[in-house]
Amino acid sequence: MTLIRVLRPDVPEPSRAAMNLAPRRELPDGATIGLIANGKPLARELLAVLADEIARRLERRLERVWLEKPSASAQISAEEAGSMAVRAHIVISGLGD
């Protein structure tokens, strides 16, 4: 038998236990942001705007490291992921639509 779950926007959700955010370190001067474009149209432009906004909110200049996937279905290699993890303090990846 199939279970159908009905979500009702007119009924408030039950309260949830508070959660703590993961600890964050202060970004160093000259921090680097990694940007992984997923190969879709305008992905690079969207990530650039996001990086600009993050830099504006942090009130500092961020170096950029780009990784371009050939298509949305392509995966980055373990070497590319490792390189990005070593080089960047923040990483934004375009994962879907």
N, C-alpha and C. Protein backbone atom coordinates (compact mmCIF):
# COMPACT_ATOMS: atom_id res chain seq x y z
N MET A 1 0.83 -1.17 0.00
CA MET A 1 0.00 0.00 0.00
C MET A 1 0.88 1.24 0.00
N THR A 2 0.48 2.24 -0.73
CA THR A 2 1.25 3.48 -0.86
C THR A 2 0.79 4.48 0.19
N LEU A 3 1.74 5.19 0.76
CA LEU A 3 1.44 6.23 1.74
C LEU A 3 1.50 7.58 1.05
N ILE A 4 0.46 8.37 1.22
CA ILE A 4 0.42 9.72 0.67
C ILE A 4 0.50 10.69 1.83
N ARG A 5 1.49 11.56 1.79
CA ARG A 5 1.68 12.55 2.84
C ARG A 5 1.16 13.89 2.33
N VAL A 6 0.22 14.47 3.03
CA VAL A 6 -0.38 15.74 2.63
C VAL A 6 0.28 16.85 3.43
N LEU A 7 0.82 17.84 2.73
CA LEU A 7 1.42 18.99 3.38
C LEU A 7 0.43 20.14 3.31
N ARG A 8 0.08 20.68 4.47
CA ARG A 8 -0.92 21.74 4.52
C ARG A 8 -0.25 23.05 4.93
N PRO A 9 -0.24 24.03 4.03
CA PRO A 9 0.40 25.31 4.38
C PRO A 9 -0.41 26.13 5.38
N ASP A 10 -1.66 25.76 5.64
CA ASP A 10 -2.48 26.50 6.59
C ASP A 10 -2.34 25.99 8.03
N VAL A 11 -1.59 24.92 8.20
CA VAL A 11 -1.37 24.36 9.53
C VAL A 11 0.08 24.63 9.92
N PRO A 12 0.33 25.30 11.06
CA PRO A 12 1.71 25.60 11.45
C PRO A 12 2.48 24.31 11.75
N GLU A 13 3.75 24.33 11.38
CA GLU A 13 4.62 23.18 11.66
C GLU A 13 4.93 23.13 13.15
N PRO A 14 5.10 21.93 13.68
CA PRO A 14 5.48 21.85 15.10
C PRO A 14 6.87 22.46 15.30
N SER A 15 7.08 23.01 16.48
CA SER A 15 8.38 23.62 16.76
C SER A 15 9.46 22.55 16.77
N ARG A 16 10.65 22.95 16.39
CA ARG A 16 11.79 22.05 16.34
C ARG A 16 12.82 22.48 17.36
N ALA A 17 13.61 21.53 17.79
CA ALA A 17 14.68 21.85 18.74
C ALA A 17 15.68 22.80 18.08
N ALA A 18 16.18 23.74 18.87
CA ALA A 18 17.18 24.68 18.34
C ALA A 18 18.45 23.93 17.99
N MET A 19 19.13 24.41 16.97
CA MET A 19 20.39 23.77 16.59
C MET A 19 21.48 24.82 16.56
N ASN A 20 22.68 24.37 16.79
CA ASN A 20 23.83 25.26 16.78
C ASN A 20 24.51 25.19 15.42
N LEU A 21 24.92 26.34 14.94
CA LEU A 21 25.67 26.37 13.69
C LEU A 21 27.08 25.84 13.92
N ALA A 22 27.64 25.29 12.88
CA ALA A 22 29.02 24.80 12.96
C ALA A 22 29.94 25.98 13.24
N PRO A 23 31.00 25.75 14.01
CA PRO A 23 31.92 26.86 14.30
C PRO A 23 32.61 27.35 13.03
N ARG A 24 32.81 28.62 12.95
CA ARG A 24 33.46 29.24 11.79
C ARG A 24 34.71 29.96 12.25
N ARG A 25 35.74 29.86 11.43
CA ARG A 25 36.96 30.63 11.70
C ARG A 25 36.88 31.95 10.96
N GLU A 26 37.59 32.92 11.46
CA GLU A 26 37.69 34.20 10.77
C GLU A 26 38.49 33.99 9.50
N LEU A 27 38.03 34.57 8.41
CA LEU A 27 38.77 34.46 7.15
C LEU A 27 40.04 35.30 7.22
N PRO A 28 41.12 34.77 6.68
CA PRO A 28 42.36 35.55 6.67
C PRO A 28 42.29 36.67 5.64
N ASP A 29 43.18 37.65 5.78
CA ASP A 29 43.29 38.67 4.74
C ASP A 29 43.71 37.97 3.46
N GLY A 30 43.18 38.41 2.35
CA GLY A 30 43.50 37.77 1.06
C GLY A 30 42.88 36.40 0.93
N ALA A 31 41.70 36.21 1.53
CA ALA A 31 41.02 34.91 1.46
C ALA A 31 40.67 34.58 0.00
N THR A 32 40.53 33.30 -0.26
CA THR A 32 40.24 32.82 -1.61
C THR A 32 38.88 32.14 -1.63
N ILE A 33 38.08 32.47 -2.66
CA ILE A 33 36.80 31.82 -2.85
C ILE A 33 36.90 30.94 -4.09
N GLY A 34 36.52 29.69 -3.94
CA GLY A 34 36.51 28.76 -5.06
C GLY A 34 35.14 28.74 -5.70
N LEU A 35 35.10 28.79 -7.01
CA LEU A 35 33.84 28.82 -7.74
C LEU A 35 33.85 27.68 -8.76
N ILE A 36 32.86 26.80 -8.66
CA ILE A 36 32.78 25.65 -9.56
C ILE A 36 31.54 25.83 -10.43
N ALA A 37 31.74 26.25 -11.67
CA ALA A 37 30.64 26.44 -12.61
C ALA A 37 30.23 25.08 -13.16
N ASN A 38 28.92 24.82 -13.19
CA ASN A 38 28.45 23.50 -13.54
C ASN A 38 28.25 23.27 -15.04
N GLY A 39 28.65 24.19 -15.87
CA GLY A 39 28.55 24.00 -17.31
C GLY A 39 27.24 24.47 -17.92
N LYS A 40 26.32 24.97 -17.11
CA LYS A 40 25.05 25.46 -17.64
C LYS A 40 25.21 26.91 -18.08
N PRO A 41 24.31 27.35 -18.98
CA PRO A 41 24.39 28.74 -19.44
C PRO A 41 24.30 29.72 -18.27
N LEU A 42 25.15 30.70 -18.27
CA LEU A 42 25.20 31.78 -17.29
C LEU A 42 25.62 31.34 -15.88
N ALA A 43 26.07 30.10 -15.72
CA ALA A 43 26.51 29.64 -14.40
C ALA A 43 27.69 30.47 -13.92
N ARG A 44 28.64 30.73 -14.80
CA ARG A 44 29.81 31.51 -14.41
C ARG A 44 29.41 32.92 -13.99
N GLU A 45 28.51 33.53 -14.73
CA GLU A 45 28.07 34.88 -14.41
C GLU A 45 27.35 34.92 -13.06
N LEU A 46 26.50 33.94 -12.79
CA LEU A 46 25.78 33.88 -11.52
C LEU A 46 26.76 33.71 -10.35
N LEU A 47 27.73 32.83 -10.49
CA LEU A 47 28.71 32.63 -9.44
C LEU A 47 29.55 33.88 -9.21
N ALA A 48 29.85 34.60 -10.27
CA ALA A 48 30.62 35.85 -10.12
C ALA A 48 29.83 36.88 -9.32
N VAL A 49 28.53 36.96 -9.58
CA VAL A 49 27.68 37.89 -8.82
C VAL A 49 27.62 37.48 -7.35
N LEU A 50 27.50 36.18 -7.09
CA LEU A 50 27.49 35.71 -5.71
C LEU A 50 28.81 36.03 -5.00
N ALA A 51 29.92 35.81 -5.70
CA ALA A 51 31.23 36.12 -5.12
C ALA A 51 31.36 37.61 -4.82
N ASP A 52 30.88 38.45 -5.73
CA ASP A 52 30.90 39.90 -5.51
C ASP A 52 30.10 40.27 -4.26
N GLU A 53 28.92 39.65 -4.11
CA GLU A 53 28.07 39.96 -2.96
C GLU A 53 28.70 39.49 -1.65
N ILE A 54 29.32 38.33 -1.65
CA ILE A 54 29.99 37.86 -0.45
C ILE A 54 31.13 38.80 -0.08
N ALA A 55 31.91 39.21 -1.06
CA ALA A 55 33.02 40.14 -0.80
C ALA A 55 32.49 41.46 -0.26
N ARG A 56 31.38 41.93 -0.81
CA ARG A 56 30.79 43.19 -0.35
C ARG A 56 30.33 43.06 1.11
N ARG A 57 29.67 41.95 1.43
CA ARG A 57 29.17 41.77 2.79
C ARG A 57 30.31 41.57 3.80
N LEU A 58 31.37 40.94 3.36
CA LEU A 58 32.52 40.75 4.25
C LEU A 58 33.42 41.98 4.30
N GLU A 59 33.17 42.92 3.39
CA GLU A 59 33.94 44.15 3.29
C GLU A 59 35.42 43.86 3.08
N ARG A 60 35.68 42.97 2.14
CA ARG A 60 37.07 42.65 1.80
C ARG A 60 37.13 42.10 0.39
N ARG A 61 38.31 42.13 -0.15
CA ARG A 61 38.56 41.60 -1.49
C ARG A 61 38.86 40.11 -1.36
N LEU A 62 38.24 39.31 -2.21
CA LEU A 62 38.46 37.87 -2.21
C LEU A 62 39.12 37.45 -3.53
N GLU A 63 40.18 36.69 -3.44
CA GLU A 63 40.76 36.11 -4.64
C GLU A 63 39.82 35.02 -5.13
N ARG A 64 39.80 34.79 -6.44
CA ARG A 64 38.90 33.78 -7.01
C ARG A 64 39.69 32.68 -7.69
N VAL A 65 39.24 31.45 -7.46
CA VAL A 65 39.78 30.28 -8.14
C VAL A 65 38.60 29.63 -8.85
N TRP A 66 38.72 29.46 -10.17
CA TRP A 66 37.63 28.92 -10.96
C TRP A 66 37.89 27.47 -11.36
N LEU A 67 36.82 26.71 -11.39
CA LEU A 67 36.83 25.36 -11.95
C LEU A 67 35.59 25.27 -12.83
N GLU A 68 35.80 24.92 -14.10
CA GLU A 68 34.69 24.85 -15.05
C GLU A 68 34.43 23.40 -15.42
N LYS A 69 33.22 22.94 -15.17
CA LYS A 69 32.85 21.60 -15.62
C LYS A 69 32.42 21.70 -17.08
N PRO A 70 32.69 20.68 -17.91
CA PRO A 70 32.30 20.74 -19.31
C PRO A 70 30.79 20.66 -19.51
N SER A 71 30.09 20.02 -18.58
CA SER A 71 28.63 19.95 -18.66
C SER A 71 28.09 19.71 -17.26
N ALA A 72 26.79 19.90 -17.11
CA ALA A 72 26.17 19.74 -15.79
C ALA A 72 26.25 18.29 -15.31
N SER A 73 26.29 17.35 -16.23
CA SER A 73 26.33 15.93 -15.83
C SER A 73 27.73 15.45 -15.49
N ALA A 74 28.74 16.23 -15.81
CA ALA A 74 30.13 15.83 -15.52
C ALA A 74 30.43 16.01 -14.04
N GLN A 75 31.24 15.14 -13.51
CA GLN A 75 31.68 15.26 -12.12
C GLN A 75 33.10 15.79 -12.09
N ILE A 76 33.42 16.50 -11.01
CA ILE A 76 34.82 16.89 -10.86
C ILE A 76 35.58 15.70 -10.30
N SER A 77 36.84 15.63 -10.63
CA SER A 77 37.66 14.50 -10.17
C SER A 77 38.05 14.71 -8.71
N ALA A 78 38.51 13.65 -8.09
CA ALA A 78 39.00 13.74 -6.71
C ALA A 78 40.17 14.70 -6.62
N GLU A 79 41.02 14.71 -7.65
CA GLU A 79 42.16 15.63 -7.66
C GLU A 79 41.69 17.08 -7.72
N GLU A 80 40.68 17.36 -8.57
CA GLU A 80 40.16 18.72 -8.67
C GLU A 80 39.51 19.15 -7.35
N ALA A 81 38.75 18.26 -6.72
CA ALA A 81 38.12 18.58 -5.45
C ALA A 81 39.18 18.83 -4.38
N GLY A 82 40.22 18.00 -4.35
CA GLY A 82 41.30 18.17 -3.38
C GLY A 82 42.04 19.47 -3.59
N SER A 83 42.30 19.80 -4.84
CA SER A 83 42.99 21.05 -5.16
C SER A 83 42.16 22.25 -4.72
N MET A 84 40.86 22.20 -4.96
CA MET A 84 39.98 23.29 -4.56
C MET A 84 39.94 23.41 -3.04
N ALA A 85 39.90 22.28 -2.35
CA ALA A 85 39.85 22.29 -0.89
C ALA A 85 41.12 22.90 -0.29
N VAL A 86 42.25 22.67 -0.93
CA VAL A 86 43.52 23.20 -0.43
C VAL A 86 43.66 24.69 -0.74
N ARG A 87 43.17 25.12 -1.89
CA ARG A 87 43.39 26.49 -2.33
C ARG A 87 42.37 27.49 -1.83
N ALA A 88 41.12 27.06 -1.56
CA ALA A 88 40.04 28.00 -1.25
C ALA A 88 39.60 27.92 0.20
N HIS A 89 39.22 29.07 0.74
CA HIS A 89 38.67 29.14 2.10
C HIS A 89 37.15 28.97 2.08
N ILE A 90 36.53 29.36 0.96
CA ILE A 90 35.09 29.24 0.74
C ILE A 90 34.92 28.64 -0.66
N VAL A 91 33.96 27.74 -0.83
CA VAL A 91 33.69 27.18 -2.16
C VAL A 91 32.19 27.26 -2.43
N ILE A 92 31.84 27.73 -3.63
CA ILE A 92 30.46 27.74 -4.09
C ILE A 92 30.41 26.90 -5.35
N SER A 93 29.49 25.95 -5.38
CA SER A 93 29.36 25.08 -6.53
C SER A 93 27.95 25.16 -7.07
N GLY A 94 27.80 25.29 -8.38
CA GLY A 94 26.50 25.23 -9.02
C GLY A 94 26.12 23.78 -9.20
N LEU A 95 25.10 23.33 -8.46
CA LEU A 95 24.75 21.91 -8.49
C LEU A 95 23.51 21.59 -9.28
N GLY A 96 22.62 22.53 -9.50
CA GLY A 96 21.39 22.20 -10.18
C GLY A 96 20.77 23.42 -10.82
N ASP A 97 19.52 23.28 -11.19
CA ASP A 97 18.81 24.37 -11.87
C ASP A 97 18.39 25.44 -10.88
